[in-house]
Amino acid sequence: MILRFLQRTCRPCLSVFCSWKARASLIAAAALVPFAAGVSGQELKTPQVEGSYLGVTQLGVVEPVPTEIGLAIEIQDSRRFRGTLSYVEQDNLIVSGSIASSGKCQITAESDEARATIQLDWQNFGGGAAILIGELALTTVRESQTGPVAFLRPFDNPAVDWSRQTGRYSSSFTSASNREPIHALLDITAGARGILRATIAGWTDPDSQPILPDPPGWTDPDTQPVVIGTTSAAGGLIAVGVGSGPNQIVTLTGNVATDEEGLAVAIDGTYRIDHTTGKRLDQGTFRVHLAP
C-alpha cells in the first residue's frame, strides 16, 4: 500500500509541468514570479522543502477517519514552491506554496473539483527527513471540511524492511505530567524499506478535559492514533500522524535497535501531541518491544 502511495505522489516532473500548463489559470499570480538567478544570504536560510511526502489527515467532525494524503514539491525557488497534492479519489491538486525562514508554510492547492488551503509548520530532522504539520481545509463540490494534517519526507538513507515486521507489538507511553505509563499496542499495518504505517491501540486521548472545546458537531470516533514513520541507517526514527482526539497531531522521535539480520527489536524515544492551534497537549517518552 505504501509503495503504491509513494508512486502515486511522485509522478515524473514532465507530467507535473503539463498539468501546470493546462491549469495555469488556477495558480495565483504571486506564484508565477520568474525564478531568480541569484540567491541572497537571507534566502540561504529558507528551508529546502523539495521532495515527496507521505501524509495522513483526519477531516470532518462526524466519525472522522484518518486518511492517507500525499504531497510532492517538485520545484522551489527561494520561499516559493510548486507541486501536487493527492487525496483519496480526487484528481491531483496543483500546489502553490511559500515558506518563511521561521518554517511557517502556506499552501493553496486547486483542481477542477476541489480547493485546499493548508497552514503548516516545518521541522527538519537531518538526513533528508522532515515534517510539515498543521491544518487542512478542503472544499469539494459536495462539502467543506477541516482537520489536522501531517506530512513526512523520509530519510535519504532508509533502513529496516518494515514489510517483514507487520504486526502488533507491546508498547508503553509515559507522560511527563504524571509519570504513569500507559500500556498500548503498536500495530504496524504496512511497511517498506525505511517506511512504516502504524496505529496505536490503547493510547487514549490525553486531553480528556480540554481547554479548547471540541469542534461543533464533533462525535467521538472509535479512532486510534495513526502515524507514518521513517527509519534511517543510523538508527533514527521519525513518525508523525493524527491523534485520537479532535485536531491532534502526534510526533514520535527516537532510536531503533536492530539485530544481526537488520530486524528491529526495540524502539525508544519521545513523543508529543499538539493541537492544530499550537497548544501542547501532552509529551513524554515511549518504548516499543519488537523482539519475539
C-alpha atoms as a PDB file:
ATOM      1  CA  MET A   1       0.000   0.000   0.000  1.00  0.00           C
ATOM      2  CA  ILE A   2       2.711   2.439   0.982  1.00  0.00           C
ATOM      3  CA  LEU A   3       4.759   1.681  -2.145  1.00  0.00           C
ATOM      4  CA  ARG A   4       1.761   2.356  -4.373  1.00  0.00           C
ATOM      5  CA  PHE A   5       1.104   5.515  -2.401  1.00  0.00           C
ATOM      6  CA  LEU A   6       4.697   6.702  -2.990  1.00  0.00           C
ATOM      7  CA  GLN A   7       4.406   6.007  -6.714  1.00  0.00           C
ATOM      8  CA  ARG A   8       1.162   7.973  -6.897  1.00  0.00           C
ATOM      9  CA  THR A   9       2.598  11.034  -5.136  1.00  0.00           C
ATOM     10  CA  CYS A  10       5.895  11.162  -7.016  1.00  0.00           C
ATOM     11  CA  ARG A  11       4.977  11.408 -10.700  1.00  0.00           C
ATOM     12  CA  PRO A  12       7.548  12.452 -13.261  1.00  0.00           C
ATOM     13  CA  CYS A  13       8.261  16.152 -13.471  1.00  0.00           C
ATOM     14  CA  LEU A  14       7.121  16.271 -17.114  1.00  0.00           C
ATOM     15  CA  SER A  15       3.554  15.329 -16.226  1.00  0.00           C
ATOM     16  CA  VAL A  16       3.558  17.929 -13.475  1.00  0.00           C
ATOM     17  CA  PHE A  17       4.635  20.644 -15.919  1.00  0.00           C
ATOM     18  CA  CYS A  18       1.873  19.599 -18.326  1.00  0.00           C
ATOM     19  CA  SER A  19      -0.697  19.851 -15.546  1.00  0.00           C
ATOM     20  CA  TRP A  20       0.523  23.327 -14.639  1.00  0.00           C
ATOM     21  CA  LYS A  21       0.273  24.488 -18.228  1.00  0.00           C
ATOM     22  CA  ALA A  22      -3.253  23.138 -18.604  1.00  0.00           C
ATOM     23  CA  ARG A  23      -4.383  24.726 -15.368  1.00  0.00           C
ATOM     24  CA  ALA A  24      -2.338  27.910 -15.316  1.00  0.00           C
ATOM     25  CA  SER A  25      -5.448  29.976 -14.659  1.00  0.00           C
ATOM     26  CA  LEU A  26      -5.776  28.278 -11.274  1.00  0.00           C
ATOM     27  CA  ILE A  27      -2.410  29.361  -9.930  1.00  0.00           C
ATOM     28  CA  ALA A  28      -2.154  32.642  -8.086  1.00  0.00           C
ATOM     29  CA  ALA A  29      -0.208  35.372  -9.831  1.00  0.00           C
ATOM     30  CA  ALA A  30       2.211  35.591  -6.943  1.00  0.00           C
ATOM     31  CA  ALA A  31       3.344  32.044  -7.621  1.00  0.00           C
ATOM     32  CA  LEU A  32       4.294  32.916 -11.198  1.00  0.00           C
ATOM     33  CA  VAL A  33       7.180  35.210 -10.295  1.00  0.00           C
ATOM     34  CA  PRO A  34      10.124  34.172 -12.503  1.00  0.00           C
ATOM     35  CA  PHE A  35      12.817  32.212 -10.734  1.00  0.00           C
ATOM     36  CA  ALA A  36      15.703  34.427  -9.690  1.00  0.00           C
ATOM     37  CA  ALA A  37      19.202  33.607 -10.908  1.00  0.00           C
ATOM     38  CA  GLY A  38      20.942  34.552  -7.669  1.00  0.00           C
ATOM     39  CA  VAL A  39      20.410  33.611  -4.025  1.00  0.00           C
ATOM     40  CA  SER A  40      20.963  36.137  -1.263  1.00  0.00           C
ATOM     41  CA  GLY A  41      22.296  35.374   2.202  1.00  0.00           C
ATOM     42  CA  GLN A  42      18.809  35.702   3.658  1.00  0.00           C
ATOM     43  CA  GLU A  43      17.383  33.264   1.101  1.00  0.00           C
ATOM     44  CA  LEU A  44      20.005  30.663   2.029  1.00  0.00           C
ATOM     45  CA  LYS A  45      18.232  30.330   5.400  1.00  0.00           C
ATOM     46  CA  THR A  46      14.939  29.367   3.761  1.00  0.00           C
ATOM     47  CA  PRO A  47      14.095  25.699   4.447  1.00  0.00           C
ATOM     48  CA  GLN A  48      14.561  23.414   1.469  1.00  0.00           C
ATOM     49  CA  VAL A  49      11.232  21.606   1.173  1.00  0.00           C
ATOM     50  CA  GLU A  50      11.529  19.852  -2.189  1.00  0.00           C
ATOM     51  CA  GLY A  51      10.700  16.157  -2.193  1.00  0.00           C
ATOM     52  CA  SER A  52       7.924  13.577  -1.898  1.00  0.00           C
ATOM     53  CA  TYR A  53       5.944  13.451   1.341  1.00  0.00           C
ATOM     54  CA  LEU A  54       3.721  10.750   2.773  1.00  0.00           C
ATOM     55  CA  GLY A  55       0.904  12.043   4.932  1.00  0.00           C
ATOM     56  CA  VAL A  56      -2.223  11.437   6.938  1.00  0.00           C
ATOM     57  CA  THR A  57      -5.199  13.682   7.652  1.00  0.00           C
ATOM     58  CA  GLN A  58      -8.464  13.420   9.570  1.00  0.00           C
ATOM     59  CA  LEU A  59     -11.147  15.658   8.094  1.00  0.00           C
ATOM     60  CA  GLY A  60     -14.632  16.408   9.386  1.00  0.00           C
ATOM     61  CA  VAL A  61     -16.386  16.092  12.748  1.00  0.00           C
ATOM     62  CA  VAL A  62     -18.822  13.171  12.330  1.00  0.00           C
ATOM     63  CA  GLU A  63     -16.871   9.951  12.899  1.00  0.00           C
ATOM     64  CA  PRO A  64     -13.770  11.258  11.115  1.00  0.00           C
ATOM     65  CA  VAL A  65     -11.438   8.621   9.676  1.00  0.00           C
ATOM     66  CA  PRO A  66      -7.657   9.005   9.286  1.00  0.00           C
ATOM     67  CA  THR A  67      -6.905   9.035   5.560  1.00  0.00           C
ATOM     68  CA  GLU A  68      -3.674   8.970   3.565  1.00  0.00           C
ATOM     69  CA  ILE A  69      -2.654  12.092   1.659  1.00  0.00           C
ATOM     70  CA  GLY A  70       0.401  12.841  -0.450  1.00  0.00           C
ATOM     71  CA  LEU A  71       2.418  15.956  -1.266  1.00  0.00           C
ATOM     72  CA  ALA A  72       5.063  16.242  -3.996  1.00  0.00           C
ATOM     73  CA  ILE A  73       7.046  19.511  -4.042  1.00  0.00           C
ATOM     74  CA  GLU A  74       8.768  19.488  -7.415  1.00  0.00           C
ATOM     75  CA  ILE A  75      10.328  22.962  -7.706  1.00  0.00           C
ATOM     76  CA  GLN A  76      11.387  25.519  -5.113  1.00  0.00           C
ATOM     77  CA  ASP A  77      12.765  28.993  -5.722  1.00  0.00           C
ATOM     78  CA  SER A  78      13.695  30.787  -2.517  1.00  0.00           C
ATOM     79  CA  ARG A  79      10.485  30.999  -0.466  1.00  0.00           C
ATOM     80  CA  ARG A  80       8.095  29.831  -3.188  1.00  0.00           C
ATOM     81  CA  PHE A  81       7.455  26.304  -4.386  1.00  0.00           C
ATOM     82  CA  ARG A  82       5.138  24.309  -6.645  1.00  0.00           C
ATOM     83  CA  GLY A  83       3.969  20.718  -6.821  1.00  0.00           C
ATOM     84  CA  THR A  84       0.945  18.445  -6.492  1.00  0.00           C
ATOM     85  CA  LEU A  85      -1.333  17.223  -3.706  1.00  0.00           C
ATOM     86  CA  SER A  86      -3.073  13.827  -3.902  1.00  0.00           C
ATOM     87  CA  TYR A  87      -6.051  12.876  -1.736  1.00  0.00           C
ATOM     88  CA  VAL A  88      -8.329   9.824  -1.977  1.00  0.00           C
ATOM     89  CA  GLU A  89     -10.123   9.797  -5.356  1.00  0.00           C
ATOM     90  CA  GLN A  90      -9.555  13.469  -6.177  1.00  0.00           C
ATOM     91  CA  ASP A  91      -7.538  14.378  -9.229  1.00  0.00           C
ATOM     92  CA  ASN A  92      -4.133  15.721  -8.228  1.00  0.00           C
ATOM     93  CA  LEU A  93      -4.445  19.291  -6.974  1.00  0.00           C
ATOM     94  CA  ILE A  94      -1.898  21.802  -8.293  1.00  0.00           C
ATOM     95  CA  VAL A  95       0.105  23.235  -5.393  1.00  0.00           C
ATOM     96  CA  SER A  96       1.364  26.786  -4.999  1.00  0.00           C
ATOM     97  CA  GLY A  97       3.069  27.486  -1.669  1.00  0.00           C
ATOM     98  CA  SER A  98       5.527  29.578   0.274  1.00  0.00           C
ATOM     99  CA  ILE A  99       7.663  29.046   3.349  1.00  0.00           C
ATOM    100  CA  ALA A 100       9.312  31.566   5.676  1.00  0.00           C
ATOM    101  CA  SER A 101      12.724  31.200   7.288  1.00  0.00           C
ATOM    102  CA  SER A 102      10.837  30.534  10.542  1.00  0.00           C
ATOM    103  CA  GLY A 103       9.350  27.377   8.999  1.00  0.00           C
ATOM    104  CA  LYS A 104       5.818  28.759   8.685  1.00  0.00           C
ATOM    105  CA  CYS A 105       4.362  27.387   5.477  1.00  0.00           C
ATOM    106  CA  GLN A 106       1.230  28.219   3.459  1.00  0.00           C
ATOM    107  CA  ILE A 107      -0.154  26.121   0.618  1.00  0.00           C
ATOM    108  CA  THR A 108      -3.004  26.616  -1.815  1.00  0.00           C
ATOM    109  CA  ALA A 109      -3.931  23.629  -3.987  1.00  0.00           C
ATOM    110  CA  GLU A 110      -6.577  23.510  -6.711  1.00  0.00           C
ATOM    111  CA  SER A 111      -8.097  21.164  -9.259  1.00  0.00           C
ATOM    112  CA  ASP A 112     -11.247  21.315 -11.362  1.00  0.00           C
ATOM    113  CA  GLU A 113     -13.265  19.796  -8.497  1.00  0.00           C
ATOM    114  CA  ALA A 114     -11.526  20.795  -5.278  1.00  0.00           C
ATOM    115  CA  ARG A 115      -9.620  23.524  -3.483  1.00  0.00           C
ATOM    116  CA  ALA A 116      -7.409  23.149  -0.416  1.00  0.00           C
ATOM    117  CA  THR A 117      -5.688  25.632   1.879  1.00  0.00           C
ATOM    118  CA  ILE A 118      -3.074  24.358   4.327  1.00  0.00           C
ATOM    119  CA  GLN A 119      -1.283  26.135   7.179  1.00  0.00           C
ATOM    120  CA  LEU A 120       1.830  24.228   8.240  1.00  0.00           C
ATOM    121  CA  ASP A 121       4.951  24.267  10.407  1.00  0.00           C
ATOM    122  CA  TRP A 122       8.171  22.794   9.049  1.00  0.00           C
ATOM    123  CA  GLN A 123      10.712  20.819  11.070  1.00  0.00           C
ATOM    124  CA  ASN A 124      13.931  19.380   9.657  1.00  0.00           C
ATOM    125  CA  PHE A 125      15.467  16.292  11.276  1.00  0.00           C
ATOM    126  CA  GLY A 126      18.521  15.930   9.030  1.00  0.00           C
ATOM    127  CA  GLY A 127      19.436  13.132   6.669  1.00  0.00           C
ATOM    128  CA  GLY A 128      16.664  14.234   4.323  1.00  0.00           C
ATOM    129  CA  ALA A 129      13.851  13.624   6.844  1.00  0.00           C
ATOM    130  CA  ALA A 130      11.431  16.440   7.593  1.00  0.00           C
ATOM    131  CA  ILE A 131       7.827  17.019   8.610  1.00  0.00           C
ATOM    132  CA  LEU A 132       5.142  19.544   7.767  1.00  0.00           C
ATOM    133  CA  ILE A 133       2.281  19.600  10.285  1.00  0.00           C
ATOM    134  CA  GLY A 134      -0.786  21.797  10.627  1.00  0.00           C
ATOM    135  CA  GLU A 135      -4.379  22.220   9.484  1.00  0.00           C
ATOM    136  CA  LEU A 136      -6.029  21.410   6.170  1.00  0.00           C
ATOM    137  CA  ALA A 137      -9.234  22.940   4.803  1.00  0.00           C
ATOM    138  CA  LEU A 138     -10.640  21.075   1.792  1.00  0.00           C
ATOM    139  CA  THR A 139     -13.613  22.203  -0.280  1.00  0.00           C
ATOM    140  CA  THR A 140     -15.152  19.955  -2.947  1.00  0.00           C
ATOM    141  CA  VAL A 141     -18.369  20.147  -4.944  1.00  0.00           C
ATOM    142  CA  ARG A 142     -20.076  18.205  -2.132  1.00  0.00           C
ATOM    143  CA  GLU A 143     -18.747  19.697   1.121  1.00  0.00           C
ATOM    144  CA  SER A 144     -16.146  21.672   3.027  1.00  0.00           C
ATOM    145  CA  GLN A 145     -14.103  20.010   5.766  1.00  0.00           C
ATOM    146  CA  THR A 146     -11.186  20.888   8.020  1.00  0.00           C
ATOM    147  CA  GLY A 147      -8.853  18.858  10.191  1.00  0.00           C
ATOM    148  CA  PRO A 148      -5.276  18.111  11.183  1.00  0.00           C
ATOM    149  CA  VAL A 149      -2.736  17.049   8.573  1.00  0.00           C
ATOM    150  CA  ALA A 150       0.803  15.707   8.896  1.00  0.00           C
ATOM    151  CA  PHE A 151       3.326  15.174   6.097  1.00  0.00           C
ATOM    152  CA  LEU A 152       6.585  13.208   6.333  1.00  0.00           C
ATOM    153  CA  ARG A 153       9.585  13.328   3.998  1.00  0.00           C
ATOM    154  CA  PRO A 154      11.526  10.066   4.539  1.00  0.00           C
ATOM    155  CA  PHE A 155      15.245   9.693   5.224  1.00  0.00           C
ATOM    156  CA  ASP A 156      17.537   9.680   2.188  1.00  0.00           C
ATOM    157  CA  ASN A 157      19.286   6.556   3.506  1.00  0.00           C
ATOM    158  CA  PRO A 158      16.419   4.364   4.777  1.00  0.00           C
ATOM    159  CA  ALA A 159      16.889   1.160   6.748  1.00  0.00           C
ATOM    160  CA  VAL A 160      14.814  -1.675   8.261  1.00  0.00           C
ATOM    161  CA  ASP A 161      12.408  -3.524   5.995  1.00  0.00           C
ATOM    162  CA  TRP A 162       9.153  -2.972   7.854  1.00  0.00           C
ATOM    163  CA  SER A 163       7.222  -5.183   5.446  1.00  0.00           C
ATOM    164  CA  ARG A 164       8.863  -8.085   7.319  1.00  0.00           C
ATOM    165  CA  GLN A 165       7.625  -6.835  10.686  1.00  0.00           C
ATOM    166  CA  THR A 166       3.958  -6.026  10.271  1.00  0.00           C
ATOM    167  CA  GLY A 167       2.002  -6.987  13.378  1.00  0.00           C
ATOM    168  CA  ARG A 168       1.114  -5.825  16.872  1.00  0.00           C
ATOM    169  CA  TYR A 169       3.796  -5.044  19.446  1.00  0.00           C
ATOM    170  CA  SER A 170       3.694  -4.270  23.156  1.00  0.00           C
ATOM    171  CA  SER A 171       4.364  -0.606  23.864  1.00  0.00           C
ATOM    172  CA  SER A 172       4.315   1.866  26.728  1.00  0.00           C
ATOM    173  CA  PHE A 173       3.810   5.639  26.714  1.00  0.00           C
ATOM    174  CA  THR A 174       4.776   7.626  29.820  1.00  0.00           C
ATOM    175  CA  SER A 175       3.526  11.190  30.133  1.00  0.00           C
ATOM    176  CA  ALA A 176       5.900  13.773  31.577  1.00  0.00           C
ATOM    177  CA  SER A 177       2.986  15.231  33.538  1.00  0.00           C
ATOM    178  CA  ASN A 178       2.190  12.224  35.739  1.00  0.00           C
ATOM    179  CA  ARG A 179       4.974   9.683  35.053  1.00  0.00           C
ATOM    180  CA  GLU A 180       2.380   6.923  34.759  1.00  0.00           C
ATOM    181  CA  PRO A 181       2.949   4.552  31.817  1.00  0.00           C
ATOM    182  CA  ILE A 182       0.052   3.699  29.532  1.00  0.00           C
ATOM    183  CA  HIS A 183       0.307   0.222  28.050  1.00  0.00           C
ATOM    184  CA  ALA A 184      -0.636   0.105  24.373  1.00  0.00           C
ATOM    185  CA  LEU A 185      -0.115  -1.870  21.173  1.00  0.00           C
ATOM    186  CA  LEU A 186       1.762  -0.516  18.182  1.00  0.00           C
ATOM    187  CA  ASP A 187       0.091  -2.167  15.190  1.00  0.00           C
ATOM    188  CA  ILE A 188       2.338  -1.927  12.110  1.00  0.00           C
ATOM    189  CA  THR A 189      -0.182  -2.308   9.308  1.00  0.00           C
ATOM    190  CA  ALA A 190       2.067  -1.690   6.282  1.00  0.00           C
ATOM    191  CA  GLY A 191       5.698  -1.153   5.537  1.00  0.00           C
ATOM    192  CA  ALA A 192       8.546  -0.891   3.063  1.00  0.00           C
ATOM    193  CA  ARG A 193      12.259  -0.313   3.473  1.00  0.00           C
ATOM    194  CA  GLY A 194      12.633   2.621   5.852  1.00  0.00           C
ATOM    195  CA  ILE A 195       8.884   3.373   5.905  1.00  0.00           C
ATOM    196  CA  LEU A 196       6.086   2.141   8.152  1.00  0.00           C
ATOM    197  CA  ARG A 197       2.432   2.876   8.826  1.00  0.00           C
ATOM    198  CA  ALA A 198       1.007   2.076  12.259  1.00  0.00           C
ATOM    199  CA  THR A 199      -1.927   2.573  14.583  1.00  0.00           C
ATOM    200  CA  ILE A 200      -1.559   2.792  18.362  1.00  0.00           C
ATOM    201  CA  ALA A 201      -4.282   0.860  20.183  1.00  0.00           C
ATOM    202  CA  GLY A 202      -4.962   1.739  23.795  1.00  0.00           C
ATOM    203  CA  TRP A 203      -3.287   5.146  23.784  1.00  0.00           C
ATOM    204  CA  THR A 204      -6.236   7.297  24.807  1.00  0.00           C
ATOM    205  CA  ASP A 205      -6.896  10.996  24.329  1.00  0.00           C
ATOM    206  CA  PRO A 206      -4.644  12.836  26.834  1.00  0.00           C
ATOM    207  CA  ASP A 207      -6.815  15.950  26.662  1.00  0.00           C
ATOM    208  CA  SER A 208      -9.858  14.483  28.432  1.00  0.00           C
ATOM    209  CA  GLN A 209     -10.739  17.872  29.953  1.00  0.00           C
ATOM    210  CA  PRO A 210      -9.725  20.190  27.135  1.00  0.00           C
ATOM    211  CA  ILE A 211      -9.287  23.905  27.482  1.00  0.00           C
ATOM    212  CA  LEU A 212     -10.151  24.097  23.797  1.00  0.00           C
ATOM    213  CA  PRO A 213     -13.713  22.903  23.097  1.00  0.00           C
ATOM    214  CA  ASP A 214     -14.460  20.160  20.587  1.00  0.00           C
ATOM    215  CA  PRO A 215     -15.481  21.390  17.137  1.00  0.00           C
ATOM    216  CA  PRO A 216     -19.256  21.889  16.695  1.00  0.00           C
ATOM    217  CA  GLY A 217     -20.919  18.588  15.855  1.00  0.00           C
ATOM    218  CA  TRP A 218     -17.882  16.504  16.871  1.00  0.00           C
ATOM    219  CA  THR A 219     -18.735  12.888  17.616  1.00  0.00           C
ATOM    220  CA  ASP A 220     -16.008  10.822  19.238  1.00  0.00           C
ATOM    221  CA  PRO A 221     -14.978   8.210  16.686  1.00  0.00           C
ATOM    222  CA  ASP A 222     -13.511   4.839  17.516  1.00  0.00           C
ATOM    223  CA  THR A 223     -10.196   6.320  16.435  1.00  0.00           C
ATOM    224  CA  GLN A 224      -6.700   5.283  17.351  1.00  0.00           C
ATOM    225  CA  PRO A 225      -3.679   7.455  16.628  1.00  0.00           C
ATOM    226  CA  VAL A 226      -2.333   6.743  13.140  1.00  0.00           C
ATOM    227  CA  VAL A 227       1.266   7.555  12.227  1.00  0.00           C
ATOM    228  CA  ILE A 228       3.546   7.238   9.214  1.00  0.00           C
ATOM    229  CA  GLY A 229       7.224   6.810  10.048  1.00  0.00           C
ATOM    230  CA  THR A 230      10.682   6.620   8.525  1.00  0.00           C
ATOM    231  CA  THR A 231      13.845   4.954   9.831  1.00  0.00           C
ATOM    232  CA  SER A 232      17.451   5.583   8.853  1.00  0.00           C
ATOM    233  CA  ALA A 233      20.616   3.509   8.526  1.00  0.00           C
ATOM    234  CA  ALA A 234      21.929   5.431  11.539  1.00  0.00           C
ATOM    235  CA  GLY A 235      19.055   4.061  13.636  1.00  0.00           C
ATOM    236  CA  GLY A 236      16.868   7.151  13.749  1.00  0.00           C
ATOM    237  CA  LEU A 237      13.062   7.142  13.771  1.00  0.00           C
ATOM    238  CA  ILE A 238      10.691   9.963  12.836  1.00  0.00           C
ATOM    239  CA  ALA A 239       6.934   9.330  12.792  1.00  0.00           C
ATOM    240  CA  VAL A 240       4.043  11.745  12.524  1.00  0.00           C
ATOM    241  CA  GLY A 241       0.269  11.457  12.290  1.00  0.00           C
ATOM    242  CA  VAL A 242      -3.097  12.253  13.836  1.00  0.00           C
ATOM    243  CA  GLY A 243      -4.215  11.624  17.420  1.00  0.00           C
ATOM    244  CA  SER A 244      -7.322  10.088  18.943  1.00  0.00           C
ATOM    245  CA  GLY A 245      -8.986  13.435  19.717  1.00  0.00           C
ATOM    246  CA  PRO A 246     -10.056  16.378  17.543  1.00  0.00           C
ATOM    247  CA  ASN A 247      -7.356  18.404  15.775  1.00  0.00           C
ATOM    248  CA  GLN A 248      -4.488  16.453  17.316  1.00  0.00           C
ATOM    249  CA  ILE A 249      -1.087  15.840  15.727  1.00  0.00           C
ATOM    250  CA  VAL A 250       1.267  13.165  17.074  1.00  0.00           C
ATOM    251  CA  THR A 251       5.052  13.278  16.594  1.00  0.00           C
ATOM    252  CA  LEU A 252       7.388  10.442  17.612  1.00  0.00           C
ATOM    253  CA  THR A 253      11.195  10.685  17.536  1.00  0.00           C
ATOM    254  CA  GLY A 254      13.593   8.014  18.705  1.00  0.00           C
ATOM    255  CA  ASN A 255      16.126   5.293  18.005  1.00  0.00           C
ATOM    256  CA  VAL A 256      15.658   1.807  16.582  1.00  0.00           C
ATOM    257  CA  ALA A 257      17.743  -1.104  17.878  1.00  0.00           C
ATOM    258  CA  THR A 258      18.259  -3.922  15.362  1.00  0.00           C
ATOM    259  CA  ASP A 259      19.644  -7.462  15.443  1.00  0.00           C
ATOM    260  CA  GLU A 260      22.282  -9.038  13.199  1.00  0.00           C
ATOM    261  CA  GLU A 261      19.705  -9.644  10.465  1.00  0.00           C
ATOM    262  CA  GLY A 262      18.652  -5.995  10.414  1.00  0.00           C
ATOM    263  CA  LEU A 263      15.294  -6.621  12.093  1.00  0.00           C
ATOM    264  CA  ALA A 264      14.093  -4.084  14.645  1.00  0.00           C
ATOM    265  CA  VAL A 265      13.995  -5.380  18.216  1.00  0.00           C
ATOM    266  CA  ALA A 266      13.123  -2.198  20.138  1.00  0.00           C
ATOM    267  CA  ILE A 267      12.278   1.478  19.685  1.00  0.00           C
ATOM    268  CA  ASP A 268      12.916   4.083  22.393  1.00  0.00           C
ATOM    269  CA  GLY A 269      12.105   7.748  22.105  1.00  0.00           C
ATOM    270  CA  THR A 270       9.993  10.747  22.958  1.00  0.00           C
ATOM    271  CA  TYR A 271       6.551  11.845  21.836  1.00  0.00           C
ATOM    272  CA  ARG A 272       4.498  14.992  21.740  1.00  0.00           C
ATOM    273  CA  ILE A 273       0.840  15.643  20.986  1.00  0.00           C
ATOM    274  CA  ASP A 274      -0.090  19.108  19.737  1.00  0.00           C
ATOM    275  CA  HIS A 275      -3.364  20.790  18.860  1.00  0.00           C
ATOM    276  CA  THR A 276      -3.554  22.424  15.447  1.00  0.00           C
ATOM    277  CA  THR A 277      -3.733  25.786  17.250  1.00  0.00           C
ATOM    278  CA  GLY A 278      -0.232  25.153  18.604  1.00  0.00           C
ATOM    279  CA  LYS A 279      -1.268  24.149  22.127  1.00  0.00           C
ATOM    280  CA  ARG A 280       0.903  21.353  23.563  1.00  0.00           C
ATOM    281  CA  LEU A 281      -1.473  18.695  24.878  1.00  0.00           C
ATOM    282  CA  ASP A 282       0.997  16.118  26.153  1.00  0.00           C
ATOM    283  CA  GLN A 283       4.599  14.959  25.894  1.00  0.00           C
ATOM    284  CA  GLY A 284       6.679  12.163  27.292  1.00  0.00           C
ATOM    285  CA  THR A 285       8.618   9.016  26.447  1.00  0.00           C
ATOM    286  CA  PHE A 286       7.729   5.738  24.767  1.00  0.00           C
ATOM    287  CA  ARG A 287       9.152   2.256  24.238  1.00  0.00           C
ATOM    288  CA  VAL A 288       8.168  -0.467  21.772  1.00  0.00           C
ATOM    289  CA  HIS A 289       9.237  -4.107  22.200  1.00  0.00           C
ATOM    290  CA  LEU A 290       9.586  -5.857  18.837  1.00  0.00           C
ATOM    291  CA  ALA A 291      11.753  -8.819  19.824  1.00  0.00           C
ATOM    292  CA  PRO A 292       9.994 -12.225  19.728  1.00  0.00           C
END
